[in-house]
Amino acid sequence: MLVQKHYQNDRIIPEKDIDNCGLFGVMDTSGRRFGGEMAVNAIKNMKVRGNGLGGGFAIYGLYPEYKDYYALHIMYQDKNMSAKRKTEEILTENFYVVYDEEIPTDPSVNVFSPPLVWRYFVKPQKNSEEANMADDEYVVSKVMHMNTDVDDVYVFSSGKNMGVFKGVGFPEEIADYFMLEKLYEGYIWTVHSRFPTNTPGWWGGAHPFSMLDWTVVHNGEISSYGTNRRFLELHDFYCTLHTDTEVMAYAVDLLMRRQGLPIEVVSKIFAPPMWNAIERMNKEEKELYTTLRMVYAPLLMNGPFTVVIAHHNEMIGITDRIRLRPITAGAKGNLVFLSSEEMAIRRVCPDLELTWTPAGGEPVVARLNTQDHLKSLNKSI
C-alpha cells in the first residue's frame, strides 16, 4: 500500500491511498473474433492503476487450428534448460504432443528478466489406472504435478483454444513483447495491470491466473487466503505462486467446472449476504443461503475485491458485497465491457448504448448469443 502524506501541526495526514489494480474485459457475444487494440488502449487509459510490476492478457478463440487440443503455456526460469528437459519428459509420458514451439516474442521490447516461454498442444495419454479419469481432471492433475514438483517451471495456461500471456511490465509492454496485436484474435479479451501491495512482482505472479479455460483477473486483497488455500488443498489444488489471487482461480474451477454450480450461486459463496440479512429472508432463501455459508464457509473471499472471470462462452464481473473495489459495465450491440473505470470503456467505445454500476456481490454475466447483460442492467438499477 502506498500512502502519500503531508504534515500539519505535527500530525501525519494521509492524502491518497493507492491500493488498486486495473481490470478490463471485452466480449463479442456473437462470437466474432477481433484483435487486441481495444484491450490494450483501455488498460493504457488506466496506467496510474499499475506500477509496472505485472501485466497480462487472456484471449479466447485464438487457436482455431488447434481448438481440440489443450494449449499448455509454460515458463522456464532455469537458464541451463534442465527444467525444460524434465518437463518435456513428463509431457511425453502423459500426453500426445502434436505441436510445440517457443511462443513468439519481440526481443527489442525491454521487459524485466524474461523467462523462456514455450507452448505445447497436447491430448491426454492415460495409462490403465487413469483410463476412467475425465480429460479435464487429468490435465489439472498433471499441471499441479509440474507446478509443485518441478523447480523453475510454471504451467500458467492450460485450456483449449485460449491462452494467457503475462509477465513483469506494464500491460502494453507485455502486449508488445508477445506481439499480441499482430498475431492473435479472439472473441474475449481480459487484461490486468498490477499494483502489488503485499506479494512480489514476478512473472508467475502476474495476472491472469488460469486453470484449464478458466481465467481470473483481480483487484483487491484476499485476506482469507490461508483458509481458502487449505480448503482447496483438500481438493488437490496447490498454491505455489506467492499471490492471493491464485485461490480465486482454483475456487472458480472447483465450483463451476467440477461441481457444476452456476455463477449466480458461486457469487453468493464468494460474497455471501450477512447473517442478519439471511435472518430476514423467506424460508426458502434462508435455507439456501444458510447451507451455502455452512458448506462453503472456507471459500468466502474476505477483503475488498473485484474480479473478472472468463471461460469459453462467458465473461463475468463480481465485486465484494459492499463494493470496496470498483467495477463498471457497458454494452454496445454485441460488445460487452467490464472495467475498473468507465472512462477506459469510453476510450475504446465512446458511443456506448448502456453503462451501469453493478450492485455489490451481484454478477454481471455476458454469454455467447444472449442478451444476459441486459438482465444484469435491470437487476442493478
Protein backbone atom coordinates (compact mmCIF):
# COMPACT_ATOMS: atom_id res chain seq x y z
CA MET A 1 0.00 0.00 0.00
CA LEU A 2 1.38 3.39 -0.98
CA VAL A 3 0.27 6.39 1.04
CA GLN A 4 1.22 9.97 0.25
CA LYS A 5 1.42 12.15 3.38
CA HIS A 6 1.81 15.72 4.47
CA TYR A 7 2.43 17.15 7.92
CA GLN A 8 0.11 19.58 9.75
CA ASN A 9 0.68 20.60 13.37
CA ASP A 10 2.96 17.58 13.86
CA ARG A 11 0.24 15.20 12.63
CA ILE A 12 0.64 12.91 9.65
CA ILE A 13 -2.37 13.25 7.38
CA PRO A 14 -2.87 10.71 4.59
CA GLU A 15 -3.85 12.36 1.32
CA LYS A 16 -4.33 9.43 -1.01
CA ASP A 17 -4.41 5.69 -0.57
CA ILE A 18 -3.38 3.86 -3.74
CA ASP A 19 -4.28 0.19 -3.47
CA ASN A 20 -5.66 -0.78 -6.80
CA CYS A 21 -5.03 -2.70 -9.97
CA GLY A 22 -6.59 -2.05 -13.36
CA LEU A 23 -9.03 -4.55 -14.88
CA PHE A 24 -10.65 -4.61 -18.30
CA GLY A 25 -12.58 -7.18 -20.28
CA VAL A 26 -14.39 -7.09 -23.59
CA MET A 27 -16.51 -9.81 -25.20
CA ASP A 28 -18.31 -10.04 -28.51
CA THR A 29 -21.40 -12.07 -27.67
CA SER A 30 -21.84 -13.04 -31.32
CA GLY A 31 -18.54 -14.94 -31.20
CA ARG A 32 -16.81 -12.61 -33.68
CA ARG A 33 -13.06 -12.64 -33.21
CA PHE A 34 -11.20 -9.32 -33.07
CA GLY A 35 -7.72 -8.02 -32.32
CA GLY A 36 -6.31 -6.68 -29.07
CA GLU A 37 -6.43 -2.95 -29.82
CA MET A 38 -9.40 -2.25 -27.54
CA ALA A 39 -7.94 -4.18 -24.60
CA VAL A 40 -4.52 -2.52 -24.94
CA ASN A 41 -5.87 1.01 -25.36
CA ALA A 42 -8.35 0.64 -22.48
CA ILE A 43 -5.74 -0.56 -19.99
CA LYS A 44 -3.32 2.17 -21.09
CA ASN A 45 -6.04 4.65 -20.16
CA MET A 46 -5.76 3.36 -16.56
CA LYS A 47 -1.96 3.36 -16.35
CA VAL A 48 -1.95 5.02 -12.92
CA ARG A 49 -3.57 1.86 -11.53
CA GLY A 50 -0.42 -0.18 -12.16
CA ASN A 51 3.24 0.27 -11.34
CA GLY A 52 4.89 -1.86 -14.00
CA LEU A 53 5.34 -4.94 -11.81
CA GLY A 54 2.84 -7.06 -13.70
CA GLY A 55 0.60 -7.13 -16.73
CA GLY A 56 -1.19 -9.81 -18.66
CA PHE A 57 -3.93 -10.86 -21.05
CA ALA A 58 -6.28 -13.80 -21.56
CA ILE A 59 -7.56 -14.39 -25.10
CA TYR A 60 -10.33 -16.80 -26.09
CA GLY A 61 -10.64 -18.24 -29.59
CA LEU A 62 -7.05 -17.58 -30.65
CA TYR A 63 -6.06 -21.15 -31.63
CA PRO A 64 -8.80 -22.32 -34.03
CA GLU A 65 -6.41 -24.67 -35.86
CA TYR A 66 -5.71 -26.49 -32.57
CA LYS A 67 -9.08 -25.99 -30.90
CA ASP A 68 -9.42 -29.67 -29.90
CA TYR A 69 -6.10 -29.75 -28.04
CA TYR A 70 -5.08 -28.40 -24.64
CA ALA A 71 -2.68 -25.49 -25.12
CA LEU A 72 -0.08 -25.56 -22.33
CA HIS A 73 1.84 -22.30 -21.92
CA ILE A 74 4.91 -22.96 -19.76
CA MET A 75 7.52 -20.60 -18.28
CA TYR A 76 11.06 -21.90 -17.77
CA GLN A 77 13.22 -19.81 -15.47
CA ASP A 78 16.08 -22.33 -15.45
CA LYS A 79 18.67 -20.96 -17.87
CA ASN A 80 20.56 -24.27 -18.22
CA MET A 81 17.43 -25.95 -19.65
CA SER A 82 17.36 -28.89 -17.23
CA ALA A 83 13.83 -27.92 -16.12
CA LYS A 84 12.67 -27.89 -19.74
CA ARG A 85 14.12 -31.35 -20.35
CA LYS A 86 12.47 -32.74 -17.23
CA THR A 87 9.13 -31.12 -18.10
CA GLU A 88 9.17 -32.47 -21.63
CA GLU A 89 9.84 -35.95 -20.27
CA ILE A 90 6.68 -35.60 -18.15
CA LEU A 91 4.74 -34.30 -21.14
CA THR A 92 5.75 -37.14 -23.47
CA GLU A 93 4.93 -39.71 -20.77
CA ASN A 94 1.46 -38.30 -20.14
CA PHE A 95 0.33 -36.58 -23.36
CA TYR A 96 0.40 -36.85 -27.11
CA VAL A 97 2.25 -33.67 -28.09
CA VAL A 98 1.01 -32.75 -31.56
CA TYR A 99 2.96 -29.50 -31.87
CA ASP A 100 5.23 -27.31 -29.74
CA GLU A 101 7.19 -24.12 -30.22
CA GLU A 102 8.67 -21.18 -28.37
CA ILE A 103 5.98 -18.52 -28.04
CA PRO A 104 6.97 -15.70 -30.42
CA THR A 105 8.30 -12.58 -28.72
CA ASP A 106 9.85 -9.30 -29.79
CA PRO A 107 13.33 -9.13 -28.20
CA SER A 108 13.54 -5.39 -28.86
CA VAL A 109 10.87 -4.79 -26.19
CA ASN A 110 12.54 -4.09 -22.87
CA VAL A 111 10.88 -6.27 -20.21
CA PHE A 112 12.44 -7.36 -16.94
CA SER A 113 14.31 -10.69 -16.91
CA PRO A 114 12.01 -12.66 -19.22
CA PRO A 115 11.93 -16.45 -18.86
CA LEU A 116 11.81 -18.85 -21.77
CA VAL A 117 8.11 -19.29 -22.65
CA TRP A 118 7.01 -22.34 -24.65
CA ARG A 119 3.66 -23.71 -25.77
CA TYR A 120 2.59 -27.30 -26.32
CA PHE A 121 -0.63 -28.52 -27.95
CA VAL A 122 -1.47 -31.84 -26.33
CA LYS A 123 -4.05 -34.62 -25.86
CA PRO A 124 -4.13 -36.83 -22.74
CA GLN A 125 -2.31 -40.17 -22.93
CA LYS A 126 -3.77 -42.09 -19.98
CA ASN A 127 -2.49 -45.31 -18.50
CA SER A 128 -4.84 -48.08 -17.39
CA GLU A 129 -5.26 -46.67 -13.86
CA GLU A 130 -6.26 -43.28 -15.25
CA ALA A 131 -8.44 -44.51 -18.11
CA ASN A 132 -11.70 -43.52 -16.41
CA MET A 133 -10.48 -40.06 -15.41
CA ALA A 134 -12.11 -37.17 -17.28
CA ASP A 135 -9.74 -35.34 -19.60
CA ASP A 136 -10.07 -32.03 -17.74
CA GLU A 137 -9.37 -33.67 -14.38
CA TYR A 138 -6.39 -35.47 -15.87
CA VAL A 139 -4.92 -32.20 -17.17
CA VAL A 140 -5.44 -30.48 -13.81
CA SER A 141 -3.58 -33.28 -12.03
CA LYS A 142 -0.61 -33.05 -14.41
CA VAL A 143 -0.49 -29.25 -14.23
CA MET A 144 -0.46 -29.43 -10.42
CA HIS A 145 2.32 -32.04 -10.57
CA MET A 146 4.54 -29.88 -12.79
CA ASN A 147 3.89 -26.68 -10.82
CA THR A 148 4.60 -28.24 -7.43
CA ASP A 149 7.27 -30.89 -8.14
CA VAL A 150 9.45 -29.42 -10.90
CA ASP A 151 11.69 -26.50 -9.93
CA ASP A 152 11.73 -23.32 -12.05
CA VAL A 153 8.69 -24.39 -14.09
CA TYR A 154 5.23 -22.85 -14.19
CA VAL A 155 2.33 -24.00 -16.38
CA PHE A 156 0.38 -20.76 -16.49
CA SER A 157 -2.24 -21.59 -19.14
CA SER A 158 -3.84 -24.96 -19.87
CA GLY A 159 -7.17 -24.55 -21.68
CA LYS A 160 -8.38 -25.31 -25.19
CA ASN A 161 -8.43 -22.60 -27.85
CA MET A 162 -7.44 -19.94 -25.33
CA GLY A 163 -4.22 -18.61 -23.89
CA VAL A 164 -2.72 -16.45 -21.16
CA PHE A 165 0.21 -14.11 -21.84
CA LYS A 166 1.70 -12.32 -18.85
CA GLY A 167 4.87 -11.01 -17.25
CA VAL A 168 6.64 -8.23 -15.38
CA GLY A 169 5.96 -4.88 -17.01
CA PHE A 170 3.07 -2.61 -17.86
CA PRO A 171 0.39 -4.50 -19.81
CA GLU A 172 1.07 -2.59 -23.04
CA GLU A 173 4.72 -3.69 -22.76
CA ILE A 174 3.63 -7.31 -22.31
CA ALA A 175 1.35 -6.95 -25.34
CA ASP A 176 4.25 -5.63 -27.40
CA TYR A 177 6.63 -8.30 -26.10
CA PHE A 178 4.30 -11.15 -27.11
CA MET A 179 3.16 -9.23 -30.24
CA LEU A 180 -0.46 -9.82 -29.27
CA GLU A 181 -1.98 -7.20 -31.56
CA LYS A 182 -0.06 -8.55 -34.56
CA LEU A 183 -0.54 -12.28 -34.04
CA TYR A 184 -3.85 -13.04 -32.32
CA GLU A 185 -7.60 -12.54 -32.48
CA GLY A 186 -10.23 -13.68 -30.00
CA TYR A 187 -13.86 -13.11 -29.03
CA ILE A 188 -12.98 -12.40 -25.36
CA TRP A 189 -10.01 -10.35 -24.17
CA THR A 190 -9.34 -9.69 -20.48
CA VAL A 191 -6.37 -7.68 -19.24
CA HIS A 192 -4.78 -6.77 -15.91
CA SER A 193 -2.44 -4.01 -14.78
CA ARG A 194 -0.85 -4.94 -11.48
CA PHE A 195 -0.09 -2.85 -8.39
CA PRO A 196 1.22 -5.48 -5.92
CA THR A 197 1.00 -4.43 -2.29
CA ASN A 198 1.98 -7.46 -0.21
CA THR A 199 3.20 -10.06 -2.72
CA PRO A 200 6.19 -9.97 -5.09
CA GLY A 201 6.18 -8.73 -8.65
CA TRP A 202 7.39 -11.66 -10.74
CA TRP A 203 6.44 -13.36 -13.99
CA GLY A 204 4.41 -16.16 -12.42
CA GLY A 205 2.63 -13.76 -10.07
CA ALA A 206 1.24 -11.55 -12.82
CA HIS A 207 -2.42 -11.90 -13.75
CA PRO A 208 -4.48 -13.53 -15.25
CA PHE A 209 -4.43 -16.70 -13.20
CA SER A 210 -5.74 -19.72 -15.01
CA MET A 211 -6.80 -23.33 -14.70
CA LEU A 212 -7.98 -25.09 -17.85
CA ASP A 213 -10.01 -22.44 -19.69
CA TRP A 214 -10.96 -20.51 -16.52
CA THR A 215 -9.12 -17.22 -16.01
CA VAL A 216 -9.31 -14.58 -13.29
CA VAL A 217 -8.04 -11.00 -13.10
CA HIS A 218 -8.36 -9.42 -9.69
CA ASN A 219 -8.17 -6.03 -7.99
CA GLY A 220 -8.05 -6.06 -4.21
CA GLU A 221 -6.84 -8.25 -1.40
CA ILE A 222 -7.99 -11.72 -0.32
CA SER A 223 -7.40 -11.61 3.42
CA SER A 224 -8.92 -15.08 3.78
CA TYR A 225 -6.15 -16.56 1.60
CA GLY A 226 -4.88 -19.00 4.23
CA THR A 227 -8.31 -20.51 4.89
CA ASN A 228 -9.16 -20.59 1.18
CA ARG A 229 -5.85 -22.26 0.32
CA ARG A 230 -6.19 -25.00 2.93
CA PHE A 231 -9.71 -25.84 1.71
CA LEU A 232 -8.54 -26.03 -1.91
CA GLU A 233 -5.66 -28.33 -0.94
CA LEU A 234 -8.28 -30.83 0.29
CA HIS A 235 -9.46 -30.91 -3.34
CA ASP A 236 -5.94 -31.30 -4.82
CA PHE A 237 -5.37 -27.67 -5.80
CA TYR A 238 -1.99 -26.41 -4.57
CA CYS A 239 -0.96 -22.75 -4.41
CA THR A 240 2.70 -22.09 -5.27
CA LEU A 241 2.71 -18.64 -6.84
CA HIS A 242 3.01 -16.26 -3.86
CA THR A 243 -0.14 -14.25 -4.53
CA ASP A 244 -3.63 -14.36 -3.11
CA THR A 245 -5.41 -14.32 -6.49
CA GLU A 246 -4.37 -17.92 -7.17
CA VAL A 247 -7.03 -19.18 -4.74
CA MET A 248 -9.77 -17.40 -6.69
CA ALA A 249 -8.82 -19.12 -9.97
CA TYR A 250 -8.78 -22.58 -8.38
CA ALA A 251 -12.01 -21.93 -6.46
CA VAL A 252 -13.76 -20.96 -9.69
CA ASP A 253 -12.56 -24.17 -11.37
CA LEU A 254 -13.61 -26.30 -8.39
CA LEU A 255 -17.09 -24.79 -8.02
CA MET A 256 -18.07 -24.11 -11.61
CA ARG A 257 -16.40 -26.94 -13.54
CA ARG A 258 -16.00 -29.79 -11.08
CA GLN A 259 -19.16 -29.18 -9.02
CA GLY A 260 -21.24 -27.61 -11.79
CA LEU A 261 -22.54 -24.63 -9.83
CA PRO A 262 -23.83 -21.60 -11.78
CA ILE A 263 -22.20 -18.23 -11.28
CA GLU A 264 -25.33 -16.93 -9.55
CA VAL A 265 -24.64 -19.44 -6.74
CA VAL A 266 -20.85 -19.11 -6.83
CA SER A 267 -21.10 -15.34 -6.37
CA LYS A 268 -23.07 -15.97 -3.14
CA ILE A 269 -20.30 -18.28 -1.92
CA PHE A 270 -17.57 -15.71 -2.59
CA ALA A 271 -19.60 -12.70 -1.39
CA PRO A 272 -22.50 -14.04 0.73
CA PRO A 273 -25.16 -11.94 2.45
CA MET A 274 -24.56 -11.02 6.07
CA TRP A 275 -26.13 -13.33 8.66
CA ASN A 276 -28.54 -10.63 9.79
CA ALA A 277 -29.72 -10.25 6.18
CA ILE A 278 -30.19 -14.03 5.90
CA GLU A 279 -32.34 -13.99 9.05
CA ARG A 280 -34.78 -11.62 7.33
CA MET A 281 -35.21 -13.80 4.21
CA ASN A 282 -38.15 -16.03 3.42
CA LYS A 283 -37.85 -19.71 4.38
CA GLU A 284 -36.59 -21.00 1.03
CA GLU A 285 -33.93 -18.31 0.61
CA LYS A 286 -32.90 -18.61 4.25
CA GLU A 287 -32.31 -22.35 3.88
CA LEU A 288 -30.28 -21.85 0.66
CA TYR A 289 -28.01 -19.11 1.98
CA THR A 290 -27.55 -20.81 5.35
CA THR A 291 -26.50 -24.01 3.58
CA LEU A 292 -24.07 -22.16 1.31
CA ARG A 293 -22.47 -20.33 4.23
CA MET A 294 -22.08 -23.53 6.23
CA VAL A 295 -20.87 -25.85 3.45
CA TYR A 296 -18.61 -23.35 1.69
CA ALA A 297 -17.52 -21.16 4.59
CA PRO A 298 -13.80 -21.71 3.73
CA LEU A 299 -14.36 -20.25 0.24
CA LEU A 300 -15.84 -16.96 1.41
CA MET A 301 -13.48 -14.36 -0.06
CA ASN A 302 -12.83 -11.94 2.74
CA GLY A 303 -11.48 -8.50 2.00
CA PRO A 304 -12.03 -5.98 -0.80
CA PHE A 305 -12.10 -7.44 -4.30
CA THR A 306 -13.30 -7.10 -7.84
CA VAL A 307 -12.72 -9.94 -10.30
CA VAL A 308 -13.36 -10.51 -13.96
CA ILE A 309 -13.76 -14.23 -14.64
CA ALA A 310 -13.75 -15.66 -18.13
CA HIS A 311 -14.09 -19.03 -19.77
CA HIS A 312 -15.38 -20.22 -23.12
CA ASN A 313 -18.72 -18.62 -23.96
CA GLU A 314 -18.89 -16.42 -20.84
CA MET A 315 -17.40 -13.33 -19.15
CA ILE A 316 -18.36 -12.42 -15.58
CA GLY A 317 -17.70 -9.49 -13.25
CA ILE A 318 -18.16 -9.66 -9.45
CA THR A 319 -17.28 -7.34 -6.56
CA ASP A 320 -17.25 -7.93 -2.85
CA ARG A 321 -20.64 -7.42 -1.23
CA ILE A 322 -20.06 -3.76 -0.28
CA ARG A 323 -18.11 -2.77 -3.42
CA LEU A 324 -14.82 -1.79 -1.84
CA ARG A 325 -13.22 -2.12 -5.27
CA PRO A 326 -14.86 -0.58 -8.35
CA ILE A 327 -16.34 -2.11 -11.47
CA THR A 328 -18.30 -0.57 -14.32
CA ALA A 329 -20.16 -2.40 -17.07
CA GLY A 330 -21.08 -1.19 -20.53
CA ALA A 331 -22.52 -2.50 -23.77
CA LYS A 332 -22.95 -1.58 -27.39
CA GLY A 333 -24.52 -4.02 -29.82
CA ASN A 334 -22.82 -7.38 -29.34
CA LEU A 335 -19.93 -5.90 -27.32
CA VAL A 336 -19.97 -6.11 -23.52
CA PHE A 337 -17.33 -4.35 -21.41
CA LEU A 338 -16.19 -4.68 -17.79
CA SER A 339 -13.69 -2.23 -16.37
CA SER A 340 -12.28 -0.66 -13.24
CA GLU A 341 -13.19 2.73 -14.72
CA GLU A 342 -15.92 3.90 -17.07
CA MET A 343 -13.51 6.24 -18.84
CA ALA A 344 -11.46 3.27 -20.07
CA ILE A 345 -14.57 1.83 -21.73
CA ARG A 346 -15.45 5.16 -23.32
CA ARG A 347 -11.86 5.48 -24.56
CA VAL A 348 -12.43 2.50 -26.86
CA CYS A 349 -16.22 2.78 -27.33
CA PRO A 350 -17.30 6.43 -26.98
CA ASP A 351 -20.87 5.81 -28.14
CA LEU A 352 -21.96 3.22 -25.56
CA GLU A 353 -25.62 2.25 -25.56
CA LEU A 354 -25.60 1.15 -21.90
CA THR A 355 -23.41 1.76 -18.89
CA TRP A 356 -24.10 0.82 -15.29
CA THR A 357 -22.58 0.12 -11.91
CA PRO A 358 -23.32 -3.43 -10.71
CA ALA A 359 -24.55 -3.95 -7.17
CA GLY A 360 -22.09 -5.42 -4.66
CA GLY A 361 -21.88 -9.19 -4.85
CA GLU A 362 -24.18 -9.34 -7.89
CA PRO A 363 -22.56 -10.85 -11.00
CA VAL A 364 -22.63 -9.23 -14.40
CA VAL A 365 -22.76 -12.07 -16.95
CA ALA A 366 -22.17 -11.87 -20.69
CA ARG A 367 -22.75 -15.06 -22.67
CA LEU A 368 -22.44 -16.01 -26.31
CA ASN A 369 -25.58 -15.43 -28.34
CA THR A 370 -27.56 -13.96 -25.45
CA GLN A 371 -28.51 -10.58 -24.07
CA ASP A 372 -27.89 -11.50 -20.43
CA HIS A 373 -26.04 -8.23 -19.85
CA LEU A 374 -29.44 -6.53 -20.23
CA LYS A 375 -30.74 -8.65 -17.34
CA SER A 376 -27.76 -7.53 -15.27
CA LEU A 377 -28.63 -3.93 -16.02
CA ASN A 378 -32.23 -4.40 -14.96
CA LYS A 379 -31.13 -6.10 -11.75
CA SER A 380 -28.53 -3.46 -10.91
CA ILE A 381 -30.64 -0.31 -11.20
